[in-house]
Amino acid sequence: MDSLSAFLQHFYHPHGRVANGYGAEFRIVSSKVCGDLLRIAVDLLEDTDVIEQIRWDAQNTCMTCEVGASLAAQHFPGKRICEVLRTTDEEFLDLFDEKIPKGKRPCALLALWGIQFILKEREGS
């Protein structure tokens, strides 16, 4: 599958997207650059530091932001919190299999930043 069709596959058949992502476990993250807004929840396997699933919902978001959230929901389950916190922007952008234009990088990275914020908040750091 070429990179464009993989990108579109994540857009049309996203991983982890839920309808009406509301509730105490969801955190809202937004981009000051473009106004994208994601609601994200990170579920851990019981009594572990391993991610079970990433759930998200979007509002007024661009395609790049939604694909980033889908990639995060596909890539991070099974990973330990420390692995996700060490994930760099460049490592996450590499998951896209194509070059993301500089102006769209905040959109592509919003899910990663939101997930890292949630995990840091849980650890109290």
C-alpha atoms as a PDB file:
ATOM      1  CA  MET A   1       0.000   0.000   0.000  1.00  0.00           C
ATOM      2  CA  ASP A   2       1.453   3.371  -0.931  1.00  0.00           C
ATOM      3  CA  SER A   3       1.704   6.147   1.648  1.00  0.00           C
ATOM      4  CA  LEU A   4      -1.257   8.138   0.283  1.00  0.00           C
ATOM      5  CA  SER A   5      -3.575   5.150   0.423  1.00  0.00           C
ATOM      6  CA  ALA A   6      -2.344   4.342   3.975  1.00  0.00           C
ATOM      7  CA  PHE A   7      -3.067   7.968   4.953  1.00  0.00           C
ATOM      8  CA  LEU A   8      -6.564   7.776   3.483  1.00  0.00           C
ATOM      9  CA  GLN A   9      -7.169   4.373   5.072  1.00  0.00           C
ATOM     10  CA  HIS A  10      -6.578   5.942   8.509  1.00  0.00           C
ATOM     11  CA  PHE A  11      -8.885   8.829   7.630  1.00  0.00           C
ATOM     12  CA  TYR A  12     -11.778   6.739   6.322  1.00  0.00           C
ATOM     13  CA  HIS A  13     -11.346   3.826   8.756  1.00  0.00           C
ATOM     14  CA  PRO A  14      -9.764   5.383  11.848  1.00  0.00           C
ATOM     15  CA  HIS A  15      -8.443   3.365  14.772  1.00  0.00           C
ATOM     16  CA  GLY A  16      -9.764   4.261  18.212  1.00  0.00           C
ATOM     17  CA  ARG A  17     -12.360   6.823  17.149  1.00  0.00           C
ATOM     18  CA  VAL A  18     -15.471   6.860  19.293  1.00  0.00           C
ATOM     19  CA  ALA A  19     -18.683   8.788  18.899  1.00  0.00           C
ATOM     20  CA  ASN A  20     -19.275  11.422  21.536  1.00  0.00           C
ATOM     21  CA  GLY A  21     -15.964  11.272  23.367  1.00  0.00           C
ATOM     22  CA  TYR A  22     -17.221  12.777  26.575  1.00  0.00           C
ATOM     23  CA  GLY A  23     -16.647  11.763  30.160  1.00  0.00           C
ATOM     24  CA  ALA A  24     -14.224  12.235  33.003  1.00  0.00           C
ATOM     25  CA  GLU A  25     -11.593  10.041  31.395  1.00  0.00           C
ATOM     26  CA  PHE A  26     -11.396  12.236  28.263  1.00  0.00           C
ATOM     27  CA  ARG A  27      -9.106  15.252  28.072  1.00  0.00           C
ATOM     28  CA  ILE A  28      -9.514  18.001  25.509  1.00  0.00           C
ATOM     29  CA  VAL A  29      -6.427  19.062  23.585  1.00  0.00           C
ATOM     30  CA  SER A  30      -6.458  21.786  20.993  1.00  0.00           C
ATOM     31  CA  SER A  31      -4.081  23.472  18.618  1.00  0.00           C
ATOM     32  CA  LYS A  32      -3.554  27.206  18.859  1.00  0.00           C
ATOM     33  CA  VAL A  33      -2.175  27.093  15.325  1.00  0.00           C
ATOM     34  CA  CYS A  34      -5.264  25.873  13.485  1.00  0.00           C
ATOM     35  CA  GLY A  35      -8.028  25.310  16.034  1.00  0.00           C
ATOM     36  CA  ASP A  36      -8.096  21.501  15.803  1.00  0.00           C
ATOM     37  CA  LEU A  37      -9.730  19.952  18.857  1.00  0.00           C
ATOM     38  CA  LEU A  38      -9.373  16.348  20.033  1.00  0.00           C
ATOM     39  CA  ARG A  39     -10.921  14.580  22.994  1.00  0.00           C
ATOM     40  CA  ILE A  40      -8.549  11.799  24.043  1.00  0.00           C
ATOM     41  CA  ALA A  41      -8.711   9.011  26.617  1.00  0.00           C
ATOM     42  CA  VAL A  42      -5.795   6.714  27.436  1.00  0.00           C
ATOM     43  CA  ASP A  43      -6.757   3.393  29.027  1.00  0.00           C
ATOM     44  CA  LEU A  44      -4.135   1.295  30.825  1.00  0.00           C
ATOM     45  CA  LEU A  45      -4.191  -2.433  31.422  1.00  0.00           C
ATOM     46  CA  GLU A  46      -5.314  -2.946  35.001  1.00  0.00           C
ATOM     47  CA  ASP A  47      -2.537  -2.545  37.597  1.00  0.00           C
ATOM     48  CA  THR A  48       0.117  -1.906  34.931  1.00  0.00           C
ATOM     49  CA  ASP A  49       1.822   0.947  33.122  1.00  0.00           C
ATOM     50  CA  VAL A  50       0.939  -0.568  29.733  1.00  0.00           C
ATOM     51  CA  ILE A  51      -1.462   1.188  27.392  1.00  0.00           C
ATOM     52  CA  GLU A  52      -4.512  -0.896  26.574  1.00  0.00           C
ATOM     53  CA  GLN A  53      -6.172   1.492  24.159  1.00  0.00           C
ATOM     54  CA  ILE A  54      -6.350   5.072  22.964  1.00  0.00           C
ATOM     55  CA  ARG A  55      -9.835   6.442  22.348  1.00  0.00           C
ATOM     56  CA  TRP A  56     -10.530   9.758  20.687  1.00  0.00           C
ATOM     57  CA  ASP A  57     -13.134  11.971  19.114  1.00  0.00           C
ATOM     58  CA  ALA A  58     -12.588  15.048  16.992  1.00  0.00           C
ATOM     59  CA  GLN A  59     -14.299  18.336  16.351  1.00  0.00           C
ATOM     60  CA  ASN A  60     -13.411  20.868  13.661  1.00  0.00           C
ATOM     61  CA  THR A  61     -10.231  18.985  12.816  1.00  0.00           C
ATOM     62  CA  CYS A  62      -8.344  18.605   9.601  1.00  0.00           C
ATOM     63  CA  MET A  63      -7.578  15.289   7.949  1.00  0.00           C
ATOM     64  CA  THR A  64      -3.946  15.330   9.134  1.00  0.00           C
ATOM     65  CA  CYS A  65      -5.007  15.693  12.770  1.00  0.00           C
ATOM     66  CA  GLU A  66      -7.481  12.816  12.527  1.00  0.00           C
ATOM     67  CA  VAL A  67      -4.933  10.575  10.819  1.00  0.00           C
ATOM     68  CA  GLY A  68      -2.453  11.388  13.605  1.00  0.00           C
ATOM     69  CA  ALA A  69      -4.998  10.341  16.227  1.00  0.00           C
ATOM     70  CA  SER A  70      -5.716   7.112  14.359  1.00  0.00           C
ATOM     71  CA  LEU A  71      -1.998   6.346  14.048  1.00  0.00           C
ATOM     72  CA  ALA A  72      -1.545   6.929  17.789  1.00  0.00           C
ATOM     73  CA  ALA A  73      -4.486   4.626  18.562  1.00  0.00           C
ATOM     74  CA  GLN A  74      -2.912   1.945  16.379  1.00  0.00           C
ATOM     75  CA  HIS A  75       0.705   2.391  17.468  1.00  0.00           C
ATOM     76  CA  PHE A  76       0.651   2.948  21.243  1.00  0.00           C
ATOM     77  CA  PRO A  77      -1.436   0.065  22.662  1.00  0.00           C
ATOM     78  CA  GLY A  78       0.924  -2.474  24.222  1.00  0.00           C
ATOM     79  CA  LYS A  79       3.577   0.165  24.908  1.00  0.00           C
ATOM     80  CA  ARG A  80       4.675   1.190  28.403  1.00  0.00           C
ATOM     81  CA  ILE A  81       4.075   4.750  29.565  1.00  0.00           C
ATOM     82  CA  CYS A  82       7.809   5.502  29.559  1.00  0.00           C
ATOM     83  CA  GLU A  83       8.069   4.463  25.892  1.00  0.00           C
ATOM     84  CA  VAL A  84       5.281   6.823  24.884  1.00  0.00           C
ATOM     85  CA  LEU A  85       6.733   9.682  26.923  1.00  0.00           C
ATOM     86  CA  ARG A  86      10.101   9.181  25.185  1.00  0.00           C
ATOM     87  CA  THR A  87       8.533   9.269  21.714  1.00  0.00           C
ATOM     88  CA  THR A  88       9.889  12.302  19.888  1.00  0.00           C
ATOM     89  CA  ASP A  89       7.965  14.415  17.422  1.00  0.00           C
ATOM     90  CA  GLU A  90      10.153  13.116  14.592  1.00  0.00           C
ATOM     91  CA  GLU A  91       9.599   9.476  15.565  1.00  0.00           C
ATOM     92  CA  PHE A  92       5.850  10.026  15.566  1.00  0.00           C
ATOM     93  CA  LEU A  93       5.937  11.854  12.219  1.00  0.00           C
ATOM     94  CA  ASP A  94       7.785   8.850  10.760  1.00  0.00           C
ATOM     95  CA  LEU A  95       4.619   6.795  11.346  1.00  0.00           C
ATOM     96  CA  PHE A  96       2.916   8.795   8.599  1.00  0.00           C
ATOM     97  CA  ASP A  97       5.052   7.141   5.889  1.00  0.00           C
ATOM     98  CA  GLU A  98       5.143  10.447   4.060  1.00  0.00           C
ATOM     99  CA  LYS A  99       6.548  13.892   4.631  1.00  0.00           C
ATOM    100  CA  ILE A 100       4.162  16.153   6.507  1.00  0.00           C
ATOM    101  CA  PRO A 101       4.537  19.801   5.447  1.00  0.00           C
ATOM    102  CA  LYS A 102       5.945  22.052   8.172  1.00  0.00           C
ATOM    103  CA  GLY A 103       2.681  23.981   8.493  1.00  0.00           C
ATOM    104  CA  LYS A 104       0.704  20.768   9.147  1.00  0.00           C
ATOM    105  CA  ARG A 105       3.082  19.314  11.751  1.00  0.00           C
ATOM    106  CA  PRO A 106       1.186  20.742  14.755  1.00  0.00           C
ATOM    107  CA  CYS A 107      -1.941  19.040  13.383  1.00  0.00           C
ATOM    108  CA  ALA A 108      -0.117  15.740  12.911  1.00  0.00           C
ATOM    109  CA  LEU A 109       1.408  15.900  16.403  1.00  0.00           C
ATOM    110  CA  LEU A 110      -1.638  17.014  18.396  1.00  0.00           C
ATOM    111  CA  ALA A 111      -2.629  13.458  19.399  1.00  0.00           C
ATOM    112  CA  LEU A 112       0.924  12.630  20.532  1.00  0.00           C
ATOM    113  CA  TRP A 113       1.159  15.818  22.591  1.00  0.00           C
ATOM    114  CA  GLY A 114      -2.259  15.177  24.125  1.00  0.00           C
ATOM    115  CA  ILE A 115      -1.432  11.593  25.032  1.00  0.00           C
ATOM    116  CA  GLN A 116       1.893  12.619  26.557  1.00  0.00           C
ATOM    117  CA  PHE A 117       0.140  15.353  28.561  1.00  0.00           C
ATOM    118  CA  ILE A 118      -2.403  12.846  29.906  1.00  0.00           C
ATOM    119  CA  LEU A 119       0.326  10.376  30.872  1.00  0.00           C
ATOM    120  CA  LYS A 120       2.416  13.064  32.608  1.00  0.00           C
ATOM    121  CA  GLU A 121      -0.696  14.226  34.440  1.00  0.00           C
ATOM    122  CA  ARG A 122      -1.299  10.656  35.667  1.00  0.00           C
ATOM    123  CA  GLU A 123       2.258  10.335  36.872  1.00  0.00           C
ATOM    124  CA  GLY A 124       1.990  13.684  38.633  1.00  0.00           C
ATOM    125  CA  SER A 125       4.974  15.224  36.868  1.00  0.00           C
END
